[in-house]
Protein backbone atom coordinates (compact mmCIF):
# COMPACT_ATOMS: atom_id res chain seq x y z
CA MET A 1 -73.45 121.60 12.67
CA GLU A 2 -74.25 120.76 9.37
CA SER A 3 -78.14 121.42 8.14
CA ASP A 4 -78.31 117.64 7.32
CA ASP A 5 -77.91 116.43 10.52
CA ILE A 6 -80.78 118.57 11.87
CA ALA A 7 -83.21 115.79 11.40
CA VAL A 8 -80.92 112.97 12.97
CA GLU A 9 -79.76 115.26 15.99
CA ARG A 10 -83.09 116.85 16.76
CA PRO A 11 -86.02 115.25 15.23
CA ILE A 12 -88.47 117.29 17.27
CA LEU A 13 -86.92 120.63 16.10
CA ALA A 14 -87.05 119.27 12.56
CA THR A 15 -90.52 118.56 12.61
CA ALA A 16 -91.38 121.91 14.31
CA VAL A 17 -89.00 123.69 11.43
CA VAL A 18 -91.42 121.73 8.50
CA ALA A 19 -94.44 122.33 10.62
CA ALA A 20 -93.88 126.29 10.92
CA VAL A 21 -92.90 126.75 7.23
CA ALA A 22 -95.84 124.73 6.16
CA THR A 23 -98.01 127.00 8.32
CA VAL A 24 -96.91 129.90 7.23
CA ALA A 25 -96.77 129.43 3.58
CA TYR A 26 -100.34 127.89 3.47
CA VAL A 27 -101.55 130.84 5.50
CA GLY A 28 -100.27 133.22 3.64
CA VAL A 29 -101.86 131.28 0.25
CA GLN A 30 -104.61 131.56 2.06
CA LEU A 31 -104.89 135.35 2.32
CA VAL A 32 -104.00 135.66 -0.68
CA LEU A 33 -106.86 133.63 -2.65
CA ASP A 34 -109.56 134.03 -0.12
CA GLY A 35 -108.38 137.08 2.22
CA ALA A 36 -109.42 135.08 5.43
CA VAL A 37 -107.80 131.99 7.20
CA ALA A 38 -109.24 128.96 8.26
CA ALA A 39 -108.16 127.85 11.13
CA ALA A 40 -109.27 123.57 10.91
CA GLU A 41 -108.11 123.80 7.18
CA THR A 42 -104.77 125.06 7.68
CA ALA A 43 -104.31 122.56 10.58
CA ALA A 44 -105.48 120.01 8.75
CA PHE A 45 -103.01 120.80 5.79
CA VAL A 46 -99.77 121.41 8.08
CA LEU A 47 -100.35 117.67 9.68
CA ILE A 48 -100.80 116.22 6.63
CA PHE A 49 -97.88 118.09 4.99
CA THR A 50 -95.24 117.17 7.90
CA VAL A 51 -96.10 113.72 8.37
CA VAL A 52 -95.58 113.17 4.56
CA TYR A 53 -92.47 115.19 4.60
CA VAL A 54 -91.04 113.92 7.76
CA ALA A 55 -92.06 110.69 6.45
CA GLY A 56 -90.58 110.50 3.09
CA ALA A 57 -87.49 112.62 4.61
CA ARG A 58 -86.57 109.22 6.67
CA TYR A 59 -87.70 106.76 4.01
CA LEU A 60 -84.96 108.94 1.98
CA ARG A 61 -82.46 108.88 4.70
CA GLU A 62 -82.64 105.05 5.83
CA ARG A 63 -82.40 103.70 2.25
CA PRO A 64 -79.51 102.65 1.28
CA SER A 65 -78.02 104.62 -1.03
CA ASP A 66 -76.79 103.50 -4.75
CA SER A 67 -73.39 104.97 -5.33
CA ASP A 68 -72.96 102.36 -8.40
CA ASP A 69 -74.22 103.57 -11.72
CA ALA A 70 -76.04 101.44 -13.67
CA THR A 71 -72.88 99.51 -15.84
CA GLY A 72 -72.25 97.64 -11.89
CA GLY A 73 -69.59 100.14 -11.21
CA ASP A 74 -67.22 99.66 -14.02
CA SER A 75 -66.54 103.28 -15.31
CA THR A 76 -63.53 102.14 -17.77
CA ASP A 77 -63.87 103.31 -21.32
CA ASP A 78 -64.47 100.85 -23.48
CA ALA A 79 -64.33 103.40 -26.72
CA ALA A 80 -60.45 103.96 -25.49
CA GLU A 81 -59.54 100.51 -26.67
């Protein structure tokens, strides 16, 4: 299983991992800056961060890919003529 497939195959697990990482990171920042953990502030951050991250990942995954470059797919070298 590739890491890109986890979000598609197990979206609940992927969301839980994102929330866990956000929690650990935010608690670490709070401990360094304040020396204490504010539970409500941490919960609000984790909720907002997780929703935005998952929505952004879903948007990027479902967006049609632009495989052609700006020249419309014409990759010939005009200087070689």
